[in-house]
Amino acid sequence: MSAVIITKDNFQQEVINSDKPVLLDFWAPWCGPCKMVSPIIDEIADEVFTLKVGKINVDEQQELAAEFKVMSIPTLAVVKGGVVVKKSVGAKSKADILDLVAQ
């Protein structure tokens, strides 16, 4: 399953009400490290079926970025049962991201 574009309009349904853990990728089109992480996030979305993957463009979704206290991007957050259980800032390898969601 490919990554879902998350907006404030679908956030409740896609993230809070998700029956799977959700990996959120906070990014922006002008962010170099975000561009490095993006293909990895897409791979994980296609390979890990026990996880929902969402992408949040911080330029377009400033309310969500503020709600998650995103100060630097890329920021990855793992949400389970509507609660943030893990957060990571900066570009990460695929192995590091998989470790983040596995625990």
N, C-alpha and C. Protein backbone atom coordinates (compact mmCIF):
# COMPACT_ATOMS: atom_id res chain seq x y z
N MET A 1 0.86 -1.19 0.00
CA MET A 1 0.00 0.00 0.00
C MET A 1 0.90 1.24 0.00
N SER A 2 0.58 2.18 -0.83
CA SER A 2 1.43 3.37 -0.89
C SER A 2 1.09 4.33 0.25
N ALA A 3 1.96 5.29 0.44
CA ALA A 3 1.79 6.27 1.51
C ALA A 3 0.55 7.13 1.24
N VAL A 4 -0.11 7.51 2.32
CA VAL A 4 -1.32 8.33 2.26
C VAL A 4 -0.91 9.78 2.51
N ILE A 5 -1.44 10.69 1.72
CA ILE A 5 -1.22 12.12 1.97
C ILE A 5 -2.16 12.52 3.11
N ILE A 6 -1.59 12.98 4.20
CA ILE A 6 -2.38 13.34 5.38
C ILE A 6 -2.59 14.85 5.41
N THR A 7 -3.86 15.24 5.61
CA THR A 7 -4.22 16.64 5.77
C THR A 7 -5.04 16.76 7.05
N LYS A 8 -5.32 17.99 7.45
CA LYS A 8 -6.15 18.15 8.65
C LYS A 8 -7.54 17.58 8.42
N ASP A 9 -7.97 17.51 7.16
CA ASP A 9 -9.31 16.99 6.84
C ASP A 9 -9.42 15.48 7.00
N ASN A 10 -8.34 14.74 6.71
CA ASN A 10 -8.43 13.27 6.83
C ASN A 10 -7.62 12.73 8.01
N PHE A 11 -7.02 13.60 8.81
CA PHE A 11 -6.16 13.18 9.92
C PHE A 11 -6.89 12.26 10.90
N GLN A 12 -8.09 12.65 11.31
CA GLN A 12 -8.86 11.85 12.28
C GLN A 12 -9.08 10.43 11.75
N GLN A 13 -9.55 10.34 10.52
CA GLN A 13 -9.86 9.04 9.93
C GLN A 13 -8.61 8.21 9.67
N GLU A 14 -7.59 8.81 9.08
CA GLU A 14 -6.41 8.06 8.65
C GLU A 14 -5.42 7.75 9.78
N VAL A 15 -5.34 8.64 10.76
CA VAL A 15 -4.33 8.47 11.81
C VAL A 15 -4.96 8.09 13.15
N ILE A 16 -5.82 8.92 13.67
CA ILE A 16 -6.40 8.67 14.99
C ILE A 16 -7.23 7.39 15.00
N ASN A 17 -8.03 7.17 13.96
CA ASN A 17 -8.91 6.00 13.92
C ASN A 17 -8.29 4.79 13.24
N SER A 18 -7.01 4.84 12.91
CA SER A 18 -6.36 3.73 12.22
C SER A 18 -6.29 2.50 13.11
N ASP A 19 -6.55 1.34 12.51
CA ASP A 19 -6.44 0.09 13.27
C ASP A 19 -5.00 -0.44 13.25
N LYS A 20 -4.11 0.25 12.51
CA LYS A 20 -2.69 -0.12 12.46
C LYS A 20 -1.88 1.04 13.01
N PRO A 21 -0.65 0.76 13.47
CA PRO A 21 0.25 1.87 13.79
C PRO A 21 0.48 2.71 12.53
N VAL A 22 0.71 4.00 12.73
CA VAL A 22 0.90 4.91 11.60
C VAL A 22 2.27 5.57 11.71
N LEU A 23 3.05 5.49 10.61
CA LEU A 23 4.31 6.20 10.52
C LEU A 23 4.05 7.49 9.76
N LEU A 24 4.25 8.63 10.41
CA LEU A 24 4.04 9.92 9.77
C LEU A 24 5.38 10.54 9.40
N ASP A 25 5.45 11.00 8.16
CA ASP A 25 6.64 11.66 7.64
C ASP A 25 6.28 13.14 7.43
N PHE A 26 6.85 14.00 8.28
CA PHE A 26 6.66 15.46 8.13
C PHE A 26 7.78 15.96 7.23
N TRP A 27 7.44 16.59 6.11
CA TRP A 27 8.42 16.96 5.10
C TRP A 27 8.01 18.26 4.42
N ALA A 28 8.90 18.75 3.56
CA ALA A 28 8.61 19.91 2.70
C ALA A 28 9.36 19.71 1.39
N PRO A 29 8.80 20.25 0.29
CA PRO A 29 9.43 20.03 -1.02
C PRO A 29 10.81 20.66 -1.17
N TRP A 30 11.13 21.67 -0.38
CA TRP A 30 12.41 22.36 -0.48
C TRP A 30 13.48 21.74 0.42
N CYS A 31 13.14 20.71 1.17
CA CYS A 31 14.03 20.13 2.18
C CYS A 31 14.86 18.99 1.57
N GLY A 32 16.18 19.20 1.49
CA GLY A 32 17.09 18.20 0.93
C GLY A 32 17.04 16.86 1.65
N PRO A 33 17.21 16.84 2.99
CA PRO A 33 17.14 15.56 3.71
C PRO A 33 15.79 14.86 3.54
N CYS A 34 14.71 15.65 3.40
CA CYS A 34 13.38 15.06 3.18
C CYS A 34 13.36 14.29 1.86
N LYS A 35 14.01 14.86 0.85
CA LYS A 35 14.06 14.21 -0.46
C LYS A 35 14.85 12.90 -0.40
N MET A 36 15.83 12.84 0.49
CA MET A 36 16.60 11.60 0.66
C MET A 36 15.76 10.53 1.35
N VAL A 37 14.95 10.93 2.31
CA VAL A 37 14.16 9.99 3.10
C VAL A 37 12.90 9.53 2.34
N SER A 38 12.36 10.37 1.50
CA SER A 38 11.08 10.10 0.84
C SER A 38 11.01 8.75 0.12
N PRO A 39 12.01 8.38 -0.70
CA PRO A 39 11.92 7.07 -1.36
C PRO A 39 11.96 5.90 -0.38
N ILE A 40 12.67 6.09 0.74
CA ILE A 40 12.72 5.05 1.77
C ILE A 40 11.34 4.89 2.41
N ILE A 41 10.70 6.01 2.69
CA ILE A 41 9.35 5.99 3.27
C ILE A 41 8.39 5.28 2.31
N ASP A 42 8.51 5.57 1.02
CA ASP A 42 7.66 4.92 0.02
C ASP A 42 7.89 3.41 -0.02
N GLU A 43 9.16 3.00 0.07
CA GLU A 43 9.48 1.56 0.10
C GLU A 43 8.83 0.89 1.30
N ILE A 44 8.96 1.52 2.46
CA ILE A 44 8.38 0.95 3.68
C ILE A 44 6.87 0.84 3.53
N ALA A 45 6.24 1.86 2.95
CA ALA A 45 4.78 1.84 2.74
C ALA A 45 4.38 0.65 1.87
N ASP A 46 5.21 0.33 0.87
CA ASP A 46 4.90 -0.77 -0.04
C ASP A 46 5.25 -2.14 0.52
N GLU A 47 6.14 -2.19 1.51
CA GLU A 47 6.65 -3.47 2.01
C GLU A 47 6.09 -3.90 3.36
N VAL A 48 5.75 -2.96 4.22
CA VAL A 48 5.34 -3.30 5.59
C VAL A 48 3.83 -3.14 5.71
N PHE A 49 3.14 -4.27 5.65
CA PHE A 49 1.67 -4.23 5.59
C PHE A 49 1.01 -4.12 6.96
N THR A 50 1.81 -4.22 8.03
CA THR A 50 1.27 -4.06 9.37
C THR A 50 1.28 -2.60 9.81
N LEU A 51 1.63 -1.73 8.88
CA LEU A 51 1.84 -0.32 9.18
C LEU A 51 1.16 0.54 8.12
N LYS A 52 0.57 1.64 8.55
CA LYS A 52 0.08 2.64 7.60
C LYS A 52 1.12 3.75 7.57
N VAL A 53 1.40 4.26 6.39
CA VAL A 53 2.40 5.32 6.24
C VAL A 53 1.70 6.56 5.70
N GLY A 54 1.93 7.68 6.37
CA GLY A 54 1.34 8.94 5.94
C GLY A 54 2.40 10.01 5.77
N LYS A 55 2.17 10.89 4.80
CA LYS A 55 3.10 12.01 4.56
C LYS A 55 2.36 13.32 4.80
N ILE A 56 3.00 14.20 5.54
CA ILE A 56 2.42 15.49 5.87
C ILE A 56 3.36 16.59 5.39
N ASN A 57 2.91 17.36 4.42
CA ASN A 57 3.67 18.50 3.90
C ASN A 57 3.50 19.64 4.91
N VAL A 58 4.59 20.01 5.59
CA VAL A 58 4.50 21.01 6.66
C VAL A 58 4.15 22.40 6.13
N ASP A 59 4.47 22.68 4.88
CA ASP A 59 4.10 23.98 4.30
C ASP A 59 2.59 24.09 4.12
N GLU A 60 1.95 22.98 3.75
CA GLU A 60 0.51 22.98 3.50
C GLU A 60 -0.30 22.65 4.75
N GLN A 61 0.30 21.96 5.70
CA GLN A 61 -0.42 21.51 6.90
C GLN A 61 0.25 22.05 8.16
N GLN A 62 0.29 23.36 8.26
CA GLN A 62 1.00 23.98 9.38
C GLN A 62 0.34 23.67 10.73
N GLU A 63 -0.98 23.50 10.74
CA GLU A 63 -1.66 23.17 12.00
C GLU A 63 -1.20 21.82 12.53
N LEU A 64 -1.11 20.82 11.64
CA LEU A 64 -0.66 19.50 12.07
C LEU A 64 0.80 19.54 12.52
N ALA A 65 1.63 20.27 11.79
CA ALA A 65 3.04 20.40 12.18
C ALA A 65 3.14 21.02 13.58
N ALA A 66 2.33 22.02 13.84
CA ALA A 66 2.34 22.67 15.16
C ALA A 66 1.83 21.71 16.23
N GLU A 67 0.78 20.96 15.91
CA GLU A 67 0.21 20.02 16.87
C GLU A 67 1.24 18.97 17.29
N PHE A 68 2.08 18.55 16.35
CA PHE A 68 3.11 17.56 16.63
C PHE A 68 4.43 18.20 17.06
N LYS A 69 4.42 19.52 17.23
CA LYS A 69 5.60 20.27 17.67
C LYS A 69 6.81 20.00 16.77
N VAL A 70 6.58 20.00 15.46
CA VAL A 70 7.65 19.76 14.50
C VAL A 70 8.45 21.05 14.34
N MET A 71 9.72 21.00 14.72
CA MET A 71 10.60 22.16 14.63
C MET A 71 11.61 22.00 13.50
N SER A 72 11.96 20.76 13.19
CA SER A 72 12.92 20.45 12.13
C SER A 72 12.35 19.33 11.28
N ILE A 73 12.73 19.33 10.02
CA ILE A 73 12.27 18.25 9.15
C ILE A 73 13.47 17.62 8.45
N PRO A 74 13.39 16.37 8.06
CA PRO A 74 12.22 15.51 8.25
C PRO A 74 12.06 15.09 9.71
N THR A 75 10.81 15.02 10.14
CA THR A 75 10.46 14.43 11.42
C THR A 75 9.58 13.23 11.14
N LEU A 76 9.89 12.12 11.79
CA LEU A 76 9.07 10.92 11.69
C LEU A 76 8.41 10.71 13.04
N ALA A 77 7.13 10.36 13.02
CA ALA A 77 6.40 10.07 14.25
C ALA A 77 5.65 8.76 14.07
N VAL A 78 5.65 7.93 15.11
CA VAL A 78 4.89 6.69 15.10
C VAL A 78 3.69 6.89 16.03
N VAL A 79 2.50 6.69 15.49
CA VAL A 79 1.26 6.89 16.24
C VAL A 79 0.57 5.54 16.38
N LYS A 80 0.27 5.17 17.63
CA LYS A 80 -0.48 3.94 17.91
C LYS A 80 -1.67 4.30 18.77
N GLY A 81 -2.84 3.88 18.34
CA GLY A 81 -4.05 4.17 19.11
C GLY A 81 -4.27 5.66 19.30
N GLY A 82 -3.85 6.45 18.32
CA GLY A 82 -4.05 7.89 18.39
C GLY A 82 -3.02 8.64 19.22
N VAL A 83 -2.01 7.93 19.73
CA VAL A 83 -1.00 8.53 20.60
C VAL A 83 0.38 8.40 19.96
N VAL A 84 1.16 9.48 20.02
CA VAL A 84 2.54 9.43 19.51
C VAL A 84 3.37 8.61 20.48
N VAL A 85 3.96 7.52 19.99
CA VAL A 85 4.77 6.66 20.85
C VAL A 85 6.26 6.79 20.56
N LYS A 86 6.61 7.30 19.39
CA LYS A 86 8.02 7.50 19.02
C LYS A 86 8.11 8.71 18.11
N LYS A 87 9.26 9.37 18.17
CA LYS A 87 9.50 10.51 17.30
C LYS A 87 10.98 10.54 16.97
N SER A 88 11.30 10.90 15.74
CA SER A 88 12.69 10.95 15.31
C SER A 88 12.85 12.13 14.36
N VAL A 89 13.96 12.87 14.52
CA VAL A 89 14.21 14.05 13.69
C VAL A 89 15.48 13.82 12.87
N GLY A 90 15.41 14.19 11.60
CA GLY A 90 16.57 14.08 10.73
C GLY A 90 16.48 12.89 9.80
N ALA A 91 17.32 12.90 8.78
CA ALA A 91 17.35 11.81 7.80
C ALA A 91 17.83 10.54 8.48
N LYS A 92 17.18 9.44 8.16
CA LYS A 92 17.51 8.14 8.74
C LYS A 92 17.63 7.10 7.63
N SER A 93 18.37 6.05 7.91
CA SER A 93 18.46 4.93 6.96
C SER A 93 17.19 4.10 7.06
N LYS A 94 17.00 3.25 6.07
CA LYS A 94 15.83 2.36 6.09
C LYS A 94 15.85 1.49 7.35
N ALA A 95 17.02 0.96 7.68
CA ALA A 95 17.14 0.10 8.87
C ALA A 95 16.74 0.87 10.13
N ASP A 96 17.19 2.11 10.25
CA ASP A 96 16.84 2.93 11.43
C ASP A 96 15.34 3.20 11.50
N ILE A 97 14.73 3.46 10.35
CA ILE A 97 13.29 3.72 10.34
C ILE A 97 12.52 2.46 10.69
N LEU A 98 12.95 1.31 10.16
CA LEU A 98 12.29 0.05 10.50
C LEU A 98 12.45 -0.26 11.99
N ASP A 99 13.61 0.06 12.57
CA ASP A 99 13.80 -0.11 14.02
C ASP A 99 12.84 0.78 14.78
N LEU A 100 12.65 2.00 14.30
CA LEU A 100 11.76 2.95 14.97
C LEU A 100 10.33 2.40 15.04
N VAL A 101 9.86 1.82 13.95
CA VAL A 101 8.47 1.34 13.91
C VAL A 101 8.32 -0.05 14.53
N ALA A 102 9.42 -0.79 14.69
CA ALA A 102 9.35 -2.17 15.18
C ALA A 102 9.15 -2.25 16.68
N GLN A 103 9.64 -1.28 17.39
CA GLN A 103 9.65 -1.37 18.86
C GLN A 103 8.30 -1.02 19.46
